[in-house]
PDB file of N, CA and C in Angstrom:
ATOM      1  N   UNK A   1      55.759 -52.412 -80.924  1.00  0.00           N
ATOM      2  CA  UNK A   1      55.894 -53.820 -80.644  1.00  0.00           C
ATOM      3  C   UNK A   1      57.078 -54.089 -79.768  1.00  0.00           C
ATOM      4  N   UNK A   2      56.980 -54.956 -78.779  1.00  0.00           N
ATOM      5  CA  UNK A   2      58.032 -55.193 -77.826  1.00  0.00           C
ATOM      6  C   UNK A   2      58.772 -56.531 -78.111  1.00  0.00           C
ATOM      7  N   UNK A   3      60.059 -56.424 -77.864  1.00  0.00           N
ATOM      8  CA  UNK A   3      60.871 -57.722 -77.974  1.00  0.00           C
ATOM      9  C   UNK A   3      61.645 -57.903 -76.716  1.00  0.00           C
ATOM     10  N   UNK A   4      61.852 -59.120 -76.283  1.00  0.00           N
ATOM     11  CA  UNK A   4      62.487 -59.391 -75.042  1.00  0.00           C
ATOM     12  C   UNK A   4      63.649 -60.431 -75.280  1.00  0.00           C
ATOM     13  N   UNK A   5      64.804 -60.039 -74.741  1.00  0.00           N
ATOM     14  CA  UNK A   5      65.971 -61.012 -74.821  1.00  0.00           C
ATOM     15  C   UNK A   5      65.828 -62.083 -73.855  1.00  0.00           C
ATOM     16  N   UNK A   6      65.955 -63.314 -74.277  1.00  0.00           N
ATOM     17  CA  UNK A   6      65.775 -64.516 -73.430  1.00  0.00           C
ATOM     18  C   UNK A   6      66.729 -64.543 -72.276  1.00  0.00           C
ATOM     19  N   UNK A   7      67.994 -64.265 -72.559  1.00  0.00           N
ATOM     20  CA  UNK A   7      69.023 -64.478 -71.547  1.00  0.00           C
ATOM     21  C   UNK A   7      69.063 -63.374 -70.521  1.00  0.00           C
ATOM     22  N   UNK A   8      68.724 -62.082 -70.890  1.00  0.00           N
ATOM     23  CA  UNK A   8      68.890 -61.067 -69.961  1.00  0.00           C
ATOM     24  C   UNK A   8      67.563 -60.483 -69.472  1.00  0.00           C
ATOM     25  N   UNK A   9      66.421 -60.686 -70.259  1.00  0.00           N
ATOM     26  CA  UNK A   9      65.184 -60.158 -69.865  1.00  0.00           C
ATOM     27  C   UNK A   9      64.956 -58.702 -70.360  1.00  0.00           C
ATOM     28  N   UNK A  10      65.999 -58.143 -71.039  1.00  0.00           N
ATOM     29  CA  UNK A  10      65.939 -56.794 -71.525  1.00  0.00           C
ATOM     30  C   UNK A  10      64.820 -56.690 -72.566  1.00  0.00           C
ATOM     31  N   UNK A  11      64.121 -55.520 -72.543  1.00  0.00           N
ATOM     32  CA  UNK A  11      62.993 -55.363 -73.469  1.00  0.00           C
ATOM     33  C   UNK A  11      63.293 -54.128 -74.315  1.00  0.00           C
ATOM     34  N   UNK A  12      63.007 -54.388 -75.612  1.00  0.00           N
ATOM     35  CA  UNK A  12      63.187 -53.210 -76.609  1.00  0.00           C
ATOM     36  C   UNK A  12      61.801 -53.006 -77.312  1.00  0.00           C
ATOM     37  N   UNK A  13      61.520 -51.738 -77.502  1.00  0.00           N
ATOM     38  CA  UNK A  13      60.322 -51.272 -78.201  1.00  0.00           C
ATOM     39  C   UNK A  13      60.704 -51.021 -79.720  1.00  0.00           C
ATOM     40  N   UNK A  14      60.061 -51.644 -80.641  1.00  0.00           N
ATOM     41  CA  UNK A  14      60.226 -51.524 -82.082  1.00  0.00           C
ATOM     42  C   UNK A  14      58.945 -51.078 -82.709  1.00  0.00           C
ATOM     43  N   UNK A  15      59.048 -50.189 -83.622  1.00  0.00           N
ATOM     44  CA  UNK A  15      57.785 -49.772 -84.267  1.00  0.00           C
ATOM     45  C   UNK A  15      57.190 -50.864 -85.142  1.00  0.00           C
ATOM     46  N   UNK A  16      55.914 -50.882 -85.228  1.00  0.00           N
ATOM     47  CA  UNK A  16      55.235 -51.973 -86.018  1.00  0.00           C
ATOM     48  C   UNK A  16      55.706 -51.927 -87.473  1.00  0.00           C
ATOM     49  N   UNK A  17      55.984 -50.724 -87.942  1.00  0.00           N
ATOM     50  CA  UNK A  17      56.353 -50.565 -89.367  1.00  0.00           C
ATOM     51  C   UNK A  17      57.776 -50.890 -89.682  1.00  0.00           C
ATOM     52  N   UNK A  18      58.579 -51.024 -88.663  1.00  0.00           N
ATOM     53  CA  UNK A  18      60.035 -51.287 -88.851  1.00  0.00           C
ATOM     54  C   UNK A  18      60.255 -52.796 -88.948  1.00  0.00           C
ATOM     55  N   UNK A  19      59.839 -53.480 -90.029  1.00  0.00           N
ATOM     56  CA  UNK A  19      59.939 -54.892 -90.159  1.00  0.00           C
ATOM     57  C   UNK A  19      61.366 -55.454 -90.261  1.00  0.00           C
ATOM     58  N   UNK A  20      62.290 -54.526 -90.795  1.00  0.00           N
ATOM     59  CA  UNK A  20      63.633 -54.998 -90.954  1.00  0.00           C
ATOM     60  C   UNK A  20      64.222 -55.220 -89.560  1.00  0.00           C
ATOM     61  N   UNK A  21      64.030 -54.303 -88.582  1.00  0.00           N
ATOM     62  CA  UNK A  21      64.510 -54.469 -87.166  1.00  0.00           C
ATOM     63  C   UNK A  21      63.890 -55.639 -86.504  1.00  0.00           C
ATOM     64  N   UNK A  22      62.568 -55.844 -86.822  1.00  0.00           N
ATOM     65  CA  UNK A  22      61.902 -57.008 -86.182  1.00  0.00           C
ATOM     66  C   UNK A  22      62.547 -58.323 -86.613  1.00  0.00           C
ATOM     67  N   UNK A  23      62.881 -58.498 -87.876  1.00  0.00           N
ATOM     68  CA  UNK A  23      63.444 -59.674 -88.407  1.00  0.00           C
ATOM     69  C   UNK A  23      64.851 -59.866 -87.817  1.00  0.00           C
ATOM     70  N   UNK A  24      65.580 -58.787 -87.661  1.00  0.00           N
ATOM     71  CA  UNK A  24      67.039 -58.962 -87.149  1.00  0.00           C
ATOM     72  C   UNK A  24      66.882 -59.430 -85.644  1.00  0.00           C
ATOM     73  N   UNK A  25      66.019 -58.780 -84.939  1.00  0.00           N
ATOM     74  CA  UNK A  25      65.904 -59.154 -83.511  1.00  0.00           C
ATOM     75  C   UNK A  25      65.332 -60.637 -83.385  1.00  0.00           C
ATOM     76  N   UNK A  26      64.487 -61.022 -84.178  1.00  0.00           N
ATOM     77  CA  UNK A  26      63.948 -62.437 -84.116  1.00  0.00           C
ATOM     78  C   UNK A  26      65.061 -63.437 -84.497  1.00  0.00           C
ATOM     79  N   UNK A  27      65.970 -63.131 -85.413  1.00  0.00           N
ATOM     80  CA  UNK A  27      67.035 -63.977 -85.796  1.00  0.00           C
ATOM     81  C   UNK A  27      68.103 -64.029 -84.731  1.00  0.00           C
ATOM     82  N   UNK A  28      68.197 -62.888 -83.903  1.00  0.00           N
ATOM     83  CA  UNK A  28      69.217 -62.848 -82.944  1.00  0.00           C
ATOM     84  C   UNK A  28      68.800 -63.434 -81.539  1.00  0.00           C
ATOM     85  N   UNK A  29      67.622 -64.039 -81.500  1.00  0.00           N
ATOM     86  CA  UNK A  29      67.157 -64.702 -80.290  1.00  0.00           C
ATOM     87  C   UNK A  29      66.242 -63.832 -79.414  1.00  0.00           C
ATOM     88  N   UNK A  30      65.809 -62.734 -79.943  1.00  0.00           N
ATOM     89  CA  UNK A  30      64.868 -61.951 -79.198  1.00  0.00           C
ATOM     90  C   UNK A  30      63.499 -62.499 -79.441  1.00  0.00           C
ATOM     91  N   UNK A  31      62.659 -62.412 -78.447  1.00  0.00           N
ATOM     92  CA  UNK A  31      61.218 -62.958 -78.495  1.00  0.00           C
ATOM     93  C   UNK A  31      60.245 -61.826 -78.586  1.00  0.00           C
ATOM     94  N   UNK A  32      59.330 -61.997 -79.535  1.00  0.00           N
ATOM     95  CA  UNK A  32      58.253 -61.009 -79.601  1.00  0.00           C
ATOM     96  C   UNK A  32      57.262 -61.131 -78.441  1.00  0.00           C
ATOM     97  N   UNK A  33      57.075 -60.048 -77.719  1.00  0.00           N
ATOM     98  CA  UNK A  33      56.178 -60.028 -76.520  1.00  0.00           C
ATOM     99  C   UNK A  33      54.791 -59.699 -77.100  1.00  0.00           C
ATOM    100  N   UNK A  34      53.872 -60.542 -76.833  1.00  0.00           N
ATOM    101  CA  UNK A  34      52.559 -60.308 -77.285  1.00  0.00           C
ATOM    102  C   UNK A  34      51.952 -59.053 -76.626  1.00  0.00           C
ATOM    103  N   UNK A  35      51.248 -58.319 -77.388  1.00  0.00           N
ATOM    104  CA  UNK A  35      50.661 -57.083 -76.817  1.00  0.00           C
ATOM    105  C   UNK A  35      49.583 -57.519 -75.788  1.00  0.00           C
ATOM    106  N   UNK A  36      49.558 -56.899 -74.692  1.00  0.00           N
ATOM    107  CA  UNK A  36      48.564 -57.263 -73.692  1.00  0.00           C
ATOM    108  C   UNK A  36      47.388 -56.371 -73.893  1.00  0.00           C
ATOM    109  N   UNK A  37      46.269 -56.971 -74.024  1.00  0.00           N
ATOM    110  CA  UNK A  37      45.019 -56.229 -74.217  1.00  0.00           C
ATOM    111  C   UNK A  37      44.244 -56.278 -72.859  1.00  0.00           C
ATOM    112  N   UNK A  38      44.000 -55.113 -72.410  1.00  0.00           N
ATOM    113  CA  UNK A  38      43.283 -54.931 -71.154  1.00  0.00           C
ATOM    114  C   UNK A  38      41.811 -55.190 -71.491  1.00  0.00           C
ATOM    115  N   UNK A  39      41.232 -56.233 -70.862  1.00  0.00           N
ATOM    116  CA  UNK A  39      39.843 -56.537 -71.197  1.00  0.00           C
ATOM    117  C   UNK A  39      38.974 -55.382 -70.590  1.00  0.00           C
ATOM    118  N   UNK A  40      37.901 -55.189 -71.310  1.00  0.00           N
ATOM    119  CA  UNK A  40      36.956 -54.204 -70.951  1.00  0.00           C
ATOM    120  C   UNK A  40      36.215 -54.722 -69.680  1.00  0.00           C
ATOM    121  N   UNK A  41      36.049 -53.837 -68.749  1.00  0.00           N
ATOM    122  CA  UNK A  41      35.301 -54.356 -67.500  1.00  0.00           C
ATOM    123  C   UNK A  41      33.850 -54.663 -67.918  1.00  0.00           C
ATOM    124  N   UNK A  42      33.325 -55.646 -67.223  1.00  0.00           N
ATOM    125  CA  UNK A  42      31.887 -56.014 -67.515  1.00  0.00           C
ATOM    126  C   UNK A  42      30.997 -54.820 -67.231  1.00  0.00           C
ATOM    127  N   UNK A  43      29.968 -54.758 -67.969  1.00  0.00           N
ATOM    128  CA  UNK A  43      29.028 -53.683 -67.683  1.00  0.00           C
ATOM    129  C   UNK A  43      28.439 -53.779 -66.245  1.00  0.00           C
ATOM    130  N   UNK A  44      28.144 -52.748 -65.636  1.00  0.00           N
ATOM    131  CA  UNK A  44      27.546 -52.806 -64.262  1.00  0.00           C
ATOM    132  C   UNK A  44      26.316 -53.612 -64.263  1.00  0.00           C
ATOM    133  N   UNK A  45      26.009 -54.279 -63.177  1.00  0.00           N
ATOM    134  CA  UNK A  45      24.843 -55.027 -63.047  1.00  0.00           C
ATOM    135  C   UNK A  45      23.683 -54.089 -62.932  1.00  0.00           C
ATOM    136  N   UNK A  46      22.532 -54.376 -63.563  1.00  0.00           N
ATOM    137  CA  UNK A  46      21.424 -53.484 -63.406  1.00  0.00           C
ATOM    138  C   UNK A  46      20.926 -53.459 -61.943  1.00  0.00           C
ATOM    139  N   UNK A  47      20.401 -52.296 -61.555  1.00  0.00           N
ATOM    140  CA  UNK A  47      19.817 -52.248 -60.190  1.00  0.00           C
ATOM    141  C   UNK A  47      18.666 -53.236 -60.087  1.00  0.00           C
ATOM    142  N   UNK A  48      18.601 -53.967 -59.016  1.00  0.00           N
ATOM    143  CA  UNK A  48      17.526 -54.974 -58.862  1.00  0.00           C
ATOM    144  C   UNK A  48      16.176 -54.171 -58.793  1.00  0.00           C
ATOM    145  N   UNK A  49      15.207 -54.797 -59.316  1.00  0.00           N
ATOM    146  CA  UNK A  49      13.839 -54.269 -59.254  1.00  0.00           C
ATOM    147  C   UNK A  49      13.421 -54.194 -57.838  1.00  0.00           C
ATOM    148  N   UNK A  50      12.803 -53.015 -57.464  1.00  0.00           N
ATOM    149  CA  UNK A  50      12.301 -52.949 -56.106  1.00  0.00           C
ATOM    150  C   UNK A  50      11.248 -54.001 -55.863  1.00  0.00           C
ATOM    151  N   UNK A  51      11.286 -54.617 -54.641  1.00  0.00           N
ATOM    152  CA  UNK A  51      10.284 -55.549 -54.311  1.00  0.00           C
ATOM    153  C   UNK A  51       9.337 -54.940 -53.262  1.00  0.00           C
ATOM    154  N   UNK A  52       8.191 -55.286 -53.253  1.00  0.00           N
ATOM    155  CA  UNK A  52       7.169 -54.793 -52.470  1.00  0.00           C
ATOM    156  C   UNK A  52       6.589 -55.960 -51.685  1.00  0.00           C
ATOM    157  N   UNK A  53       6.217 -55.825 -50.419  1.00  0.00           N
ATOM    158  CA  UNK A  53       5.590 -56.809 -49.728  1.00  0.00           C
ATOM    159  C   UNK A  53       4.054 -56.615 -50.084  1.00  0.00           C
ATOM    160  N   UNK A  54       3.616 -57.393 -51.009  1.00  0.00           N
ATOM    161  CA  UNK A  54       2.252 -57.201 -51.431  1.00  0.00           C
ATOM    162  C   UNK A  54       1.391 -58.365 -51.008  1.00  0.00           C
ATOM    163  N   UNK A  55       1.936 -59.065 -49.990  1.00  0.00           N
ATOM    164  CA  UNK A  55       1.097 -60.227 -49.564  1.00  0.00           C
ATOM    165  C   UNK A  55      -0.154 -59.761 -48.857  1.00  0.00           C
ATOM    166  N   UNK A  56      -0.014 -58.862 -47.857  1.00  0.00           N
ATOM    167  CA  UNK A  56      -1.134 -58.418 -47.081  1.00  0.00           C
ATOM    168  C   UNK A  56      -0.823 -57.147 -46.294  1.00  0.00           C
ATOM    169  N   UNK A  57      -0.988 -56.031 -47.023  1.00  0.00           N
ATOM    170  CA  UNK A  57      -0.743 -54.839 -46.194  1.00  0.00           C
ATOM    171  C   UNK A  57      -1.899 -53.848 -46.185  1.00  0.00           C
ATOM    172  N   UNK A  58      -3.078 -54.409 -46.512  1.00  0.00           N
ATOM    173  CA  UNK A  58      -4.370 -53.613 -46.477  1.00  0.00           C
ATOM    174  C   UNK A  58      -4.667 -53.378 -44.954  1.00  0.00           C
ATOM    175  N   UNK A  59      -4.977 -52.225 -44.581  1.00  0.00           N
ATOM    176  CA  UNK A  59      -5.316 -51.958 -43.158  1.00  0.00           C
ATOM    177  C   UNK A  59      -6.565 -52.796 -42.767  1.00  0.00           C
ATOM    178  N   UNK A  60      -6.580 -53.115 -41.424  1.00  0.00           N
ATOM    179  CA  UNK A  60      -7.631 -53.960 -40.931  1.00  0.00           C
ATOM    180  C   UNK A  60      -9.107 -53.494 -41.213  1.00  0.00           C
ATOM    181  N   UNK A  61      -9.289 -52.213 -41.270  1.00  0.00           N
ATOM    182  CA  UNK A  61     -10.586 -51.597 -41.498  1.00  0.00           C
ATOM    183  C   UNK A  61     -10.844 -51.265 -42.963  1.00  0.00           C
ATOM    184  N   UNK A  62      -9.951 -51.723 -43.860  1.00  0.00           N
ATOM    185  CA  UNK A  62     -10.213 -51.388 -45.248  1.00  0.00           C
ATOM    186  C   UNK A  62     -11.458 -52.074 -45.749  1.00  0.00           C
ATOM    187  N   UNK A  63     -12.270 -51.362 -46.571  1.00  0.00           N
ATOM    188  CA  UNK A  63     -13.545 -51.940 -47.075  1.00  0.00           C
ATOM    189  C   UNK A  63     -13.344 -53.250 -47.855  1.00  0.00           C
ATOM    190  N   UNK A  64     -14.125 -54.258 -47.533  1.00  0.00           N
ATOM    191  CA  UNK A  64     -14.064 -55.548 -48.138  1.00  0.00           C
ATOM    192  C   UNK A  64     -12.638 -56.107 -48.244  1.00  0.00           C
ATOM    193  N   UNK A  65     -11.882 -55.916 -47.117  1.00  0.00           N
ATOM    194  CA  UNK A  65     -10.465 -56.303 -47.082  1.00  0.00           C
ATOM    195  C   UNK A  65     -10.355 -57.834 -47.386  1.00  0.00           C
ATOM    196  N   UNK A  66     -11.114 -58.684 -46.874  1.00  0.00           N
ATOM    197  CA  UNK A  66     -10.989 -60.099 -46.934  1.00  0.00           C
ATOM    198  C   UNK A  66     -11.287 -60.474 -48.455  1.00  0.00           C
ATOM    199  N   UNK A  67     -12.259 -59.918 -48.997  1.00  0.00           N
ATOM    200  CA  UNK A  67     -12.631 -60.191 -50.435  1.00  0.00           C
ATOM    201  C   UNK A  67     -11.484 -59.810 -51.365  1.00  0.00           C
ATOM    202  N   UNK A  68     -10.969 -58.632 -51.136  1.00  0.00           N
ATOM    203  CA  UNK A  68      -9.864 -58.160 -51.960  1.00  0.00           C
ATOM    204  C   UNK A  68      -8.607 -58.992 -51.855  1.00  0.00           C
ATOM    205  N   UNK A  69      -8.316 -59.357 -50.626  1.00  0.00           N
ATOM    206  CA  UNK A  69      -7.083 -60.232 -50.333  1.00  0.00           C
ATOM    207  C   UNK A  69      -7.322 -61.558 -51.121  1.00  0.00           C
ATOM    208  N   UNK A  70      -8.517 -62.175 -50.910  1.00  0.00           N
ATOM    209  CA  UNK A  70      -8.705 -63.476 -51.520  1.00  0.00           C
ATOM    210  C   UNK A  70      -8.649 -63.395 -53.137  1.00  0.00           C
ATOM    211  N   UNK A  71      -9.055 -62.230 -53.664  1.00  0.00           N
ATOM    212  CA  UNK A  71      -8.989 -62.088 -55.075  1.00  0.00           C
ATOM    213  C   UNK A  71      -7.639 -61.611 -55.593  1.00  0.00           C
ATOM    214  N   UNK A  72      -6.598 -61.485 -54.646  1.00  0.00           N
ATOM    215  CA  UNK A  72      -5.222 -61.217 -55.068  1.00  0.00           C
ATOM    216  C   UNK A  72      -4.935 -59.738 -55.043  1.00  0.00           C
ATOM    217  N   UNK A  73      -5.801 -58.960 -54.379  1.00  0.00           N
ATOM    218  CA  UNK A  73      -5.512 -57.481 -54.220  1.00  0.00           C
ATOM    219  C   UNK A  73      -5.248 -57.213 -52.751  1.00  0.00           C
ATOM    220  N   UNK A  74      -4.277 -57.888 -52.170  1.00  0.00           N
ATOM    221  CA  UNK A  74      -3.970 -57.789 -50.791  1.00  0.00           C
ATOM    222  C   UNK A  74      -2.987 -56.629 -50.436  1.00  0.00           C
ATOM    223  N   UNK A  75      -2.800 -55.712 -51.356  1.00  0.00           N
ATOM    224  CA  UNK A  75      -1.893 -54.607 -51.076  1.00  0.00           C
ATOM    225  C   UNK A  75      -2.480 -53.346 -51.553  1.00  0.00           C
ATOM    226  N   UNK A  76      -2.239 -52.271 -50.820  1.00  0.00           N
ATOM    227  CA  UNK A  76      -2.737 -50.936 -51.242  1.00  0.00           C
ATOM    228  C   UNK A  76      -2.255 -50.615 -52.656  1.00  0.00           C
ATOM    229  N   UNK A  77      -1.079 -50.907 -52.943  1.00  0.00           N
ATOM    230  CA  UNK A  77      -0.511 -50.645 -54.338  1.00  0.00           C
ATOM    231  C   UNK A  77      -1.295 -51.319 -55.417  1.00  0.00           C
ATOM    232  N   UNK A  78      -1.643 -52.588 -55.153  1.00  0.00           N
ATOM    233  CA  UNK A  78      -2.501 -53.287 -56.147  1.00  0.00           C
ATOM    234  C   UNK A  78      -3.875 -52.808 -56.280  1.00  0.00           C
ATOM    235  N   UNK A  79      -4.450 -52.419 -55.192  1.00  0.00           N
ATOM    236  CA  UNK A  79      -5.828 -51.849 -55.193  1.00  0.00           C
ATOM    237  C   UNK A  79      -5.837 -50.505 -55.983  1.00  0.00           C
ATOM    238  N   UNK A  80      -4.796 -49.741 -55.693  1.00  0.00           N
ATOM    239  CA  UNK A  80      -4.750 -48.445 -56.352  1.00  0.00           C
ATOM    240  C   UNK A  80      -4.509 -48.517 -57.733  1.00  0.00           C
ATOM    241  N   UNK A  81      -3.762 -49.527 -58.254  1.00  0.00           N
ATOM    242  CA  UNK A  81      -3.561 -49.559 -59.701  1.00  0.00           C
ATOM    243  C   UNK A  81      -4.637 -50.355 -60.392  1.00  0.00           C
ATOM    244  N   UNK A  82      -5.495 -51.033 -59.694  1.00  0.00           N
ATOM    245  CA  UNK A  82      -6.587 -51.735 -60.336  1.00  0.00           C
ATOM    246  C   UNK A  82      -7.691 -50.735 -60.938  1.00  0.00           C
ATOM    247  N   UNK A  83      -8.246 -51.113 -62.054  1.00  0.00           N
ATOM    248  CA  UNK A  83      -9.341 -50.241 -62.517  1.00  0.00           C
ATOM    249  C   UNK A  83     -10.604 -50.507 -61.735  1.00  0.00           C
ATOM    250  N   UNK A  84     -11.572 -49.657 -61.927  1.00  0.00           N
ATOM    251  CA  UNK A  84     -12.824 -49.803 -61.231  1.00  0.00           C
ATOM    252  C   UNK A  84     -13.478 -51.079 -61.676  1.00  0.00           C
ATOM    253  N   UNK A  85     -13.458 -51.368 -63.004  1.00  0.00           N
ATOM    254  CA  UNK A  85     -14.076 -52.614 -63.499  1.00  0.00           C
ATOM    255  C   UNK A  85     -13.398 -53.886 -62.888  1.00  0.00           C
ATOM    256  N   UNK A  86     -12.093 -53.802 -62.695  1.00  0.00           N
ATOM    257  CA  UNK A  86     -11.397 -54.997 -62.099  1.00  0.00           C
ATOM    258  C   UNK A  86     -11.878 -55.202 -60.699  1.00  0.00           C
ATOM    259  N   UNK A  87     -11.984 -54.083 -59.934  1.00  0.00           N
ATOM    260  CA  UNK A  87     -12.383 -54.295 -58.563  1.00  0.00           C
ATOM    261  C   UNK A  87     -13.882 -54.626 -58.490  1.00  0.00           C
ATOM    262  N   UNK A  88     -14.721 -54.143 -59.376  1.00  0.00           N
ATOM    263  CA  UNK A  88     -16.144 -54.467 -59.337  1.00  0.00           C
ATOM    264  C   UNK A  88     -16.310 -55.913 -59.702  1.00  0.00           C
ATOM    265  N   UNK A  89     -15.356 -56.504 -60.370  1.00  0.00           N
ATOM    266  CA  UNK A  89     -15.444 -57.912 -60.661  1.00  0.00           C
ATOM    267  C   UNK A  89     -15.288 -58.873 -59.463  1.00  0.00           C
ATOM    268  N   UNK A  90     -14.729 -58.285 -58.408  1.00  0.00           N
ATOM    269  CA  UNK A  90     -14.520 -59.047 -57.149  1.00  0.00           C
ATOM    270  C   UNK A  90     -15.920 -59.207 -56.482  1.00  0.00           C
ATOM    271  N   UNK A  91     -16.197 -60.389 -56.034  1.00  0.00           N
ATOM    272  CA  UNK A  91     -17.457 -60.708 -55.391  1.00  0.00           C
ATOM    273  C   UNK A  91     -17.590 -59.913 -54.091  1.00  0.00           C
ATOM    274  N   UNK A  92     -18.682 -59.156 -53.927  1.00  0.00           N
ATOM    275  CA  UNK A  92     -18.857 -58.403 -52.689  1.00  0.00           C
ATOM    276  C   UNK A  92     -18.591 -56.939 -52.870  1.00  0.00           C
ATOM    277  N   UNK A  93     -18.046 -56.528 -54.078  1.00  0.00           N
ATOM    278  CA  UNK A  93     -17.752 -55.172 -54.293  1.00  0.00           C
ATOM    279  C   UNK A  93     -18.729 -54.526 -55.317  1.00  0.00           C
ATOM    280  N   UNK A  94     -19.527 -53.625 -54.824  1.00  0.00           N
ATOM    281  CA  UNK A  94     -20.534 -52.977 -55.671  1.00  0.00           C
ATOM    282  C   UNK A  94     -20.095 -51.457 -55.760  1.00  0.00           C
ATOM    283  N   UNK A  95     -21.016 -50.682 -56.281  1.00  0.00           N
ATOM    284  CA  UNK A  95     -20.792 -49.221 -56.429  1.00  0.00           C
ATOM    285  C   UNK A  95     -20.453 -48.582 -55.172  1.00  0.00           C
ATOM    286  N   UNK A  96     -21.210 -48.879 -54.124  1.00  0.00           N
ATOM    287  CA  UNK A  96     -20.976 -48.199 -52.748  1.00  0.00           C
ATOM    288  C   UNK A  96     -19.694 -48.580 -52.174  1.00  0.00           C
ATOM    289  N   UNK A  97     -19.294 -49.891 -52.278  1.00  0.00           N
ATOM    290  CA  UNK A  97     -18.018 -50.314 -51.731  1.00  0.00           C
ATOM    291  C   UNK A  97     -16.852 -49.815 -52.581  1.00  0.00           C
ATOM    292  N   UNK A  98     -16.975 -49.780 -53.826  1.00  0.00           N
ATOM    293  CA  UNK A  98     -15.977 -49.196 -54.718  1.00  0.00           C
ATOM    294  C   UNK A  98     -15.717 -47.747 -54.368  1.00  0.00           C
ATOM    295  N   UNK A  99     -16.844 -46.926 -54.075  1.00  0.00           N
ATOM    296  CA  UNK A  99     -16.685 -45.576 -53.727  1.00  0.00           C
ATOM    297  C   UNK A  99     -15.897 -45.504 -52.335  1.00  0.00           C
ATOM    298  N   UNK A 100     -16.275 -46.396 -51.431  1.00  0.00           N
ATOM    299  CA  UNK A 100     -15.611 -46.414 -50.086  1.00  0.00           C
ATOM    300  C   UNK A 100     -14.108 -46.769 -50.299  1.00  0.00           C
ATOM    301  N   UNK A 101     -13.764 -47.650 -51.213  1.00  0.00           N
ATOM    302  CA  UNK A 101     -12.318 -48.014 -51.467  1.00  0.00           C
ATOM    303  C   UNK A 101     -11.623 -46.818 -52.017  1.00  0.00           C
ATOM    304  N   UNK A 102     -12.226 -46.192 -52.958  1.00  0.00           N
ATOM    305  CA  UNK A 102     -11.541 -45.084 -53.600  1.00  0.00           C
ATOM    306  C   UNK A 102     -11.431 -43.826 -52.685  1.00  0.00           C
ATOM    307  N   UNK A 103     -12.349 -43.717 -51.716  1.00  0.00           N
ATOM    308  CA  UNK A 103     -12.332 -42.605 -50.730  1.00  0.00           C
ATOM    309  C   UNK A 103     -11.572 -42.899 -49.482  1.00  0.00           C
ATOM    310  N   UNK A 104     -11.040 -44.163 -49.349  1.00  0.00           N
ATOM    311  CA  UNK A 104     -10.386 -44.584 -48.076  1.00  0.00           C
ATOM    312  C   UNK A 104      -9.132 -43.715 -47.905  1.00  0.00           C
ATOM    313  N   UNK A 105      -8.994 -43.226 -46.715  1.00  0.00           N
ATOM    314  CA  UNK A 105      -7.853 -42.411 -46.329  1.00  0.00           C
ATOM    315  C   UNK A 105      -6.815 -43.283 -45.625  1.00  0.00           C
ATOM    316  N   UNK A 106      -5.672 -43.610 -46.215  1.00  0.00           N
ATOM    317  CA  UNK A 106      -4.743 -44.530 -45.618  1.00  0.00           C
ATOM    318  C   UNK A 106      -3.957 -43.813 -44.451  1.00  0.00           C
ATOM    319  N   UNK A 107      -4.133 -42.564 -44.250  1.00  0.00           N
ATOM    320  CA  UNK A 107      -3.376 -41.860 -43.217  1.00  0.00           C
ATOM    321  C   UNK A 107      -4.370 -41.624 -42.015  1.00  0.00           C
ATOM    322  N   UNK A 108      -5.333 -42.464 -41.849  1.00  0.00           N
ATOM    323  CA  UNK A 108      -6.288 -42.343 -40.670  1.00  0.00           C
ATOM    324  C   UNK A 108      -5.564 -42.361 -39.349  1.00  0.00           C
TER     325      UNK A 108
END
């Protein structure tokens, strides 16, 4: 524990267990210096979630591009993650179109 003399600014270190010295210093005009606690730094901010431009990145020649975009599947990522049943629920997509979608080569 630290004590500071008002008039001179001198600082003394006294053990926490030495209560007799602490009382003497306090009676003699020394002030107890509060222990400074270093606050813990805040946790780092989480990395932001990656964002994808999923508005409309289907290639122009993608099978049933307009129907998929209108149904909310306007991105290759969304089409690739959709199940066959979900895509077949889109008006205009049957077995043959679904096969063409699954076989589509994006690296044409």
